[in-house]
N, C-alpha and C. Protein backbone atom coordinates (compact mmCIF):
# COMPACT_ATOMS: atom_id res chain seq x y z
N MET A 1 34.18 271.03 159.19
CA MET A 1 33.92 271.34 158.00
C MET A 1 33.96 270.52 156.74
N THR A 2 32.92 270.69 155.92
CA THR A 2 32.76 270.03 154.50
C THR A 2 34.05 269.98 153.91
N SER A 3 33.72 268.93 152.72
CA SER A 3 34.91 269.24 151.59
C SER A 3 34.69 270.59 151.02
N TYR A 4 33.11 270.96 150.88
CA TYR A 4 32.94 271.70 149.78
C TYR A 4 33.42 273.26 150.40
N GLY A 5 33.25 273.49 151.82
CA GLY A 5 33.76 274.27 152.87
C GLY A 5 34.92 274.58 152.95
N GLU A 6 35.89 273.54 153.03
CA GLU A 6 37.33 274.11 153.08
C GLU A 6 37.66 274.25 151.53
N ASN A 7 37.10 273.82 150.42
CA ASN A 7 37.62 274.57 149.29
C ASN A 7 37.31 276.10 149.08
N MET A 8 36.20 276.25 149.23
CA MET A 8 35.77 278.07 149.99
C MET A 8 36.31 278.44 149.90
N ARG A 9 36.77 278.05 151.26
CA ARG A 9 37.70 278.68 152.32
C ARG A 9 39.63 278.78 151.34
N ARG A 10 39.87 277.88 150.33
CA ARG A 10 41.15 277.70 149.91
C ARG A 10 41.06 278.73 148.91
N TYR A 11 39.93 278.93 148.23
CA TYR A 11 39.36 279.61 147.22
C TYR A 11 39.40 281.24 147.31
N VAL A 12 38.67 281.47 148.80
CA VAL A 12 39.16 283.17 149.14
C VAL A 12 40.46 283.26 149.49
N GLN A 13 41.21 282.13 150.39
CA GLN A 13 42.46 282.98 150.31
C GLN A 13 43.19 283.04 149.36
N TYR A 14 43.28 282.25 147.80
CA TYR A 14 43.89 282.47 147.06
C TYR A 14 43.50 283.51 146.54
N SER A 15 42.31 283.76 146.35
CA SER A 15 41.78 285.46 145.86
C SER A 15 42.27 286.27 146.78
N PHE A 16 42.28 286.43 147.99
CA PHE A 16 43.41 287.54 148.53
C PHE A 16 44.23 287.30 148.57
N TYR A 17 45.29 286.32 148.06
CA TYR A 17 46.37 286.38 147.85
C TYR A 17 46.39 287.09 146.54
N LEU A 18 45.71 287.10 145.37
CA LEU A 18 45.67 287.25 143.94
C LEU A 18 45.44 289.00 144.12
N LEU A 19 44.63 289.42 145.33
CA LEU A 19 44.46 291.02 145.57
C LEU A 19 45.39 291.68 146.03
N ALA A 20 46.04 290.95 147.14
CA ALA A 20 47.23 291.90 147.57
C ALA A 20 48.66 291.67 146.20
N LEU A 21 48.95 290.49 145.30
CA LEU A 21 49.39 291.08 144.19
C LEU A 21 49.11 292.22 142.99
N LEU A 22 47.70 292.19 142.80
CA LEU A 22 47.24 292.97 142.13
C LEU A 22 47.25 294.31 142.85
N VAL A 23 47.20 294.63 144.26
CA VAL A 23 47.47 295.79 144.84
C VAL A 23 48.81 296.11 144.45
N LEU A 24 50.02 295.33 144.52
CA LEU A 24 51.14 295.71 144.39
C LEU A 24 51.34 296.53 142.81
N GLY A 25 50.88 295.43 141.94
CA GLY A 25 50.98 295.90 140.59
C GLY A 25 49.96 297.13 140.36
N TRP A 26 49.13 297.66 140.71
CA TRP A 26 48.37 298.81 140.96
C TRP A 26 49.57 300.50 141.67
N GLY A 27 50.33 299.98 142.39
CA GLY A 27 50.95 300.91 143.42
C GLY A 27 52.11 300.93 142.60
N PHE A 28 52.96 300.00 141.98
CA PHE A 28 54.25 299.73 141.39
C PHE A 28 54.59 300.25 140.09
N THR A 29 53.49 299.73 139.23
CA THR A 29 53.99 299.49 137.64
C THR A 29 53.02 301.00 136.88
N PRO A 30 53.35 301.06 136.10
CA PRO A 30 53.09 302.36 135.17
C PRO A 30 51.44 302.03 134.70
N TYR A 31 50.86 300.64 134.71
CA TYR A 31 49.61 300.26 134.49
C TYR A 31 48.59 299.99 135.67
N GLU A 32 48.48 301.53 135.79
CA GLU A 32 47.80 300.98 137.11
C GLU A 32 45.80 301.04 136.79
N SER A 33 45.24 301.80 135.80
CA SER A 33 44.32 301.49 135.01
C SER A 33 43.69 299.99 134.75
N PHE A 34 44.31 299.26 134.40
CA PHE A 34 44.35 298.16 134.04
C PHE A 34 44.64 297.12 135.20
N PHE A 35 45.29 297.20 136.15
CA PHE A 35 45.59 296.73 137.32
C PHE A 35 43.85 297.26 138.09
N LEU A 36 43.35 298.66 138.48
CA LEU A 36 42.33 298.66 139.03
C LEU A 36 41.19 298.03 138.28
N GLY A 37 41.31 297.96 137.28
CA GLY A 37 40.11 297.30 136.56
C GLY A 37 40.32 295.80 137.01
N PHE A 38 41.24 295.05 137.22
CA PHE A 38 41.57 294.02 137.51
C PHE A 38 41.15 293.83 139.02
N ILE A 39 41.42 294.20 139.79
CA ILE A 39 40.95 294.69 141.12
C ILE A 39 39.42 294.91 141.50
N VAL A 40 39.02 295.46 140.83
CA VAL A 40 37.55 295.35 140.77
C VAL A 40 36.80 293.96 140.25
N GLY A 41 37.37 293.86 139.12
CA GLY A 41 36.58 292.33 137.97
C GLY A 41 36.75 291.58 139.86
N ALA A 42 38.31 291.39 140.12
CA ALA A 42 38.34 290.11 141.21
C ALA A 42 37.30 290.48 142.66
N VAL A 43 37.48 291.32 142.61
CA VAL A 43 36.66 291.56 143.88
C VAL A 43 35.27 291.05 143.73
N LEU A 44 34.74 291.51 142.42
CA LEU A 44 33.25 291.14 142.17
C LEU A 44 32.92 290.30 141.61
N SER A 45 34.30 289.32 141.87
CA SER A 45 34.58 287.66 141.10
C SER A 45 34.30 287.22 142.09
N LEU A 46 34.79 287.20 143.32
CA LEU A 46 34.89 286.87 144.68
C LEU A 46 33.15 287.16 145.48
N LEU A 47 32.62 288.17 145.30
CA LEU A 47 31.57 288.01 145.70
C LEU A 47 30.42 287.14 144.92
N ILE A 48 30.42 287.10 143.41
CA ILE A 48 30.05 286.19 142.67
C ILE A 48 30.22 284.37 143.42
N LEU A 49 31.56 284.56 143.76
CA LEU A 49 31.83 283.00 143.89
C LEU A 49 31.18 282.77 145.73
N TRP A 50 31.06 283.71 146.25
CA TRP A 50 30.61 283.57 147.48
C TRP A 50 29.19 283.49 147.92
N SER A 51 28.58 284.11 146.67
CA SER A 51 26.75 284.10 146.35
C SER A 51 26.44 282.75 145.81
N LEU A 52 27.25 282.19 145.07
CA LEU A 52 27.18 281.05 144.60
C LEU A 52 27.45 280.27 146.01
N TYR A 53 28.80 280.31 146.97
CA TYR A 53 28.52 278.93 147.64
C TYR A 53 27.27 279.15 148.66
N SER A 54 27.27 280.06 148.85
CA SER A 54 26.08 280.48 149.69
C SER A 54 24.49 279.78 149.23
N ARG A 55 24.63 279.75 148.14
CA ARG A 55 23.11 279.47 147.50
C ARG A 55 23.58 278.02 147.18
N VAL A 56 24.42 277.34 146.90
CA VAL A 56 24.29 276.22 147.19
C VAL A 56 24.21 275.33 148.35
N LYS A 57 24.97 275.93 149.54
CA LYS A 57 24.45 275.45 151.01
C LYS A 57 23.36 275.53 150.99
N ARG A 58 22.72 276.66 150.68
CA ARG A 58 21.08 276.49 150.91
C ARG A 58 20.50 275.54 150.15
N PHE A 59 21.29 275.35 149.19
CA PHE A 59 20.41 274.35 147.92
C PHE A 59 20.10 272.81 149.17
N GLY A 60 21.24 272.41 149.72
CA GLY A 60 21.75 271.41 150.24
C GLY A 60 20.81 271.27 151.63
N GLN A 61 20.96 272.26 152.20
CA GLN A 61 20.04 272.35 153.11
C GLN A 61 18.55 272.05 152.81
N ALA A 62 17.83 272.71 151.55
CA ALA A 62 16.68 272.58 151.23
C ALA A 62 16.25 271.25 150.28
N VAL A 63 17.40 270.35 150.16
CA VAL A 63 17.05 269.27 149.58
C VAL A 63 17.11 268.53 150.98
N THR A 64 17.71 268.04 151.77
CA THR A 64 18.08 267.48 152.88
C THR A 64 16.82 268.00 153.83
N GLU A 65 16.24 268.77 153.69
CA GLU A 65 14.55 269.10 154.65
C GLU A 65 13.38 268.57 153.33
N GLY A 66 13.77 268.49 152.24
CA GLY A 66 12.79 267.99 151.30
C GLY A 66 12.49 268.98 151.07
N ARG A 67 12.40 270.34 150.91
CA ARG A 67 11.73 272.05 150.34
C ARG A 67 12.38 271.99 149.05
N LYS A 68 11.73 272.67 148.65
CA LYS A 68 12.18 273.11 146.82
C LYS A 68 12.75 274.63 146.76
N MET A 69 13.81 274.53 146.11
CA MET A 69 14.78 275.21 145.80
C MET A 69 14.59 275.78 144.34
N TYR A 70 14.40 277.20 143.87
CA TYR A 70 14.22 276.94 142.09
C TYR A 70 15.28 277.34 141.18
N SER A 71 15.94 278.35 142.34
CA SER A 71 17.34 278.62 141.61
C SER A 71 18.65 279.31 142.38
N LEU A 72 19.48 279.30 141.58
CA LEU A 72 20.67 279.42 142.48
C LEU A 72 21.34 280.96 142.32
N GLY A 73 20.57 281.82 141.78
CA GLY A 73 21.19 283.44 141.86
C GLY A 73 21.96 283.44 140.37
N MET A 74 21.55 283.03 139.50
CA MET A 74 21.88 283.62 138.64
C MET A 74 21.83 284.70 138.01
N LEU A 75 20.77 285.14 138.04
CA LEU A 75 19.97 287.07 138.19
C LEU A 75 21.35 287.71 138.86
N THR A 76 21.61 287.65 140.08
CA THR A 76 22.76 288.15 141.27
C THR A 76 23.89 288.07 140.45
N ARG A 77 24.01 287.12 140.01
CA ARG A 77 25.86 287.19 139.64
C ARG A 77 25.85 287.59 138.06
N PHE A 78 24.92 287.95 137.18
CA PHE A 78 24.99 288.66 135.79
C PHE A 78 24.97 289.85 136.46
N ALA A 79 23.74 289.98 137.49
CA ALA A 79 24.22 291.62 137.57
C ALA A 79 25.68 292.12 138.32
N LEU A 80 25.64 291.42 139.37
CA LEU A 80 27.67 291.57 139.72
C LEU A 80 28.32 292.39 138.73
N ALA A 81 28.18 291.02 137.61
CA ALA A 81 29.30 291.15 136.50
C ALA A 81 28.79 292.79 135.89
N ILE A 82 27.77 293.02 135.75
CA ILE A 82 27.27 293.96 134.52
C ILE A 82 27.72 295.46 135.66
N ILE A 83 28.05 295.29 136.97
CA ILE A 83 27.70 296.37 137.52
C ILE A 83 29.65 296.64 137.08
N GLY A 84 30.10 295.63 137.13
CA GLY A 84 31.78 296.14 136.78
C GLY A 84 31.86 296.03 135.62
N VAL A 85 31.30 296.22 134.40
CA VAL A 85 31.04 296.63 133.17
C VAL A 85 31.15 297.96 133.39
N ILE A 86 29.42 298.27 133.86
CA ILE A 86 29.09 299.42 134.13
C ILE A 86 29.86 301.17 134.69
N ILE A 87 30.84 300.25 135.65
CA ILE A 87 32.04 301.22 136.59
C ILE A 87 33.20 301.20 135.62
N ALA A 88 33.45 300.54 134.90
CA ALA A 88 34.68 300.51 133.57
C ALA A 88 34.29 301.45 132.83
N THR A 89 33.03 301.75 132.16
CA THR A 89 32.32 302.58 130.98
C THR A 89 32.30 303.45 131.61
N ARG A 90 31.74 303.66 132.62
CA ARG A 90 31.77 304.96 133.41
C ARG A 90 33.09 305.92 133.73
N TYR A 91 34.12 305.10 134.26
CA TYR A 91 35.11 305.56 134.63
C TYR A 91 36.29 304.87 133.82
N PRO A 92 36.57 305.25 132.22
CA PRO A 92 37.21 304.35 131.34
C PRO A 92 38.64 305.27 131.71
N ASP A 93 38.80 306.01 131.88
CA ASP A 93 40.32 306.91 132.31
C ASP A 93 41.02 306.03 133.41
N ALA A 94 39.96 305.74 134.59
CA ALA A 94 40.68 305.34 135.82
C ALA A 94 40.54 303.23 135.71
N ILE A 95 39.72 303.02 135.08
CA ILE A 95 39.99 301.45 134.79
C ILE A 95 39.29 300.96 133.72
N GLN A 96 39.89 300.11 133.13
CA GLN A 96 40.53 299.43 132.14
C GLN A 96 39.11 298.39 131.91
N LEU A 97 38.42 298.25 131.21
CA LEU A 97 37.50 296.94 130.84
C LEU A 97 38.03 295.75 130.56
N TYR A 98 39.57 295.48 129.98
CA TYR A 98 39.63 294.70 129.76
C TYR A 98 40.52 294.03 131.34
N GLY A 99 40.59 294.43 132.16
CA GLY A 99 41.02 294.06 133.05
C GLY A 99 39.70 293.74 134.20
N VAL A 100 38.92 294.55 134.13
CA VAL A 100 37.39 293.61 134.77
C VAL A 100 37.04 292.89 134.25
N VAL A 101 36.99 292.32 132.72
CA VAL A 101 36.54 290.87 132.24
C VAL A 101 37.59 290.01 132.85
N ILE A 102 39.11 290.46 132.48
CA ILE A 102 39.90 288.79 133.09
C ILE A 102 39.43 288.98 134.74
N GLY A 103 39.32 289.87 135.40
CA GLY A 103 39.31 289.92 136.94
C GLY A 103 37.74 288.97 137.35
N LEU A 104 37.37 289.36 136.33
CA LEU A 104 35.16 288.35 136.51
C LEU A 104 35.96 287.20 136.68
N MET A 105 37.17 286.50 135.67
CA MET A 105 37.22 285.58 135.48
C MET A 105 38.43 284.38 136.28
N SER A 106 38.91 285.74 137.34
CA SER A 106 39.75 285.51 138.28
C SER A 106 39.74 284.01 139.05
N THR A 107 38.43 284.35 139.72
CA THR A 107 37.91 282.85 140.92
C THR A 107 38.17 281.38 139.95
N TYR A 108 37.54 281.58 138.75
CA TYR A 108 37.38 280.56 137.95
C TYR A 108 39.07 279.71 137.32
N ILE A 109 40.01 280.53 137.49
CA ILE A 109 40.83 280.30 136.75
C ILE A 109 42.05 279.88 138.48
N ILE A 110 41.39 280.60 139.54
CA ILE A 110 41.77 279.90 140.78
C ILE A 110 41.34 278.60 141.09
N ILE A 111 40.17 278.01 141.00
CA ILE A 111 39.53 276.81 141.11
C ILE A 111 39.88 275.66 139.91
N PHE A 112 40.43 276.13 138.88
CA PHE A 112 41.02 275.34 138.09
C PHE A 112 42.19 275.24 138.36
N LEU A 113 43.07 275.97 139.05
CA LEU A 113 44.54 275.57 139.83
C LEU A 113 44.51 274.95 140.62
N ASP A 114 43.64 275.42 141.26
CA ASP A 114 43.66 274.32 142.72
C ASP A 114 43.10 272.83 142.05
N PHE A 115 42.33 272.90 141.47
CA PHE A 115 41.71 271.19 140.72
C PHE A 115 43.21 271.11 140.64
N ILE A 116 43.90 271.31 139.93
CA ILE A 116 45.35 270.68 139.68
C ILE A 116 46.06 270.48 140.50
N ILE A 117 46.04 271.69 141.16
CA ILE A 117 47.58 271.20 142.60
C ILE A 117 47.06 270.32 143.23
N GLN A 118 45.31 270.17 144.04
CA GLN A 118 44.98 269.03 144.11
C GLN A 118 45.04 267.63 143.83
N LYS A 119 45.04 267.14 142.28
CA LYS A 119 45.32 266.19 141.90
C LYS A 119 46.91 265.98 141.79
N ILE A 120 47.36 266.86 141.59
CA ILE A 120 49.19 266.20 141.81
C ILE A 120 49.59 265.81 143.79
N ARG A 121 48.50 266.73 144.66
CA ARG A 121 49.13 266.32 145.50
C ARG A 121 48.87 264.61 145.55
N PHE A 122 46.87 264.37 145.57
CA PHE A 122 46.48 263.13 146.07
C PHE A 122 47.23 261.97 145.10
N LYS A 123 47.94 262.82 143.85
CA LYS A 123 48.77 261.43 143.39
C LYS A 123 50.52 260.93 143.77
N GLN A 124 50.73 262.09 144.33
CA GLN A 124 52.17 262.13 145.52
C GLN A 124 51.75 261.39 146.67
N GLU A 125 50.43 261.34 147.11
CA GLU A 125 50.21 260.51 148.67
C GLU A 125 49.59 259.22 148.11
N GLU A 126 49.27 259.07 146.62
CA GLU A 126 49.02 257.53 146.75
C GLU A 126 50.51 256.82 146.41
N ARG A 127 51.42 257.04 146.27
CA ARG A 127 53.09 256.65 146.09
C ARG A 127 53.52 256.38 147.40
């Protein structure tokens, strides 16, 4: 598996851990609408990450084969984010918009935290 594929596997794994925690928060806290919004946003964020991963993989194949590829699917990612906002505005009593927005950023936070963890591990291995 390539390094990029290993990173993607880790990001998906961390996203599932986050989703499990969010489901526990939704089930056992009085902030059900926030956690439900966070869950919706995190699921959409994971779909956005998966879409970007598959597009980058196809882009790499196109480059090695000498073909052209014009887009990495920005409209698809925007559409998924807009769908999350539409769902939150359609059902404001059940899903908080703030949770959806934070959830949409969740994979980027996971990527950032994983980068820090990998840098710390790399520094410890150098010693």
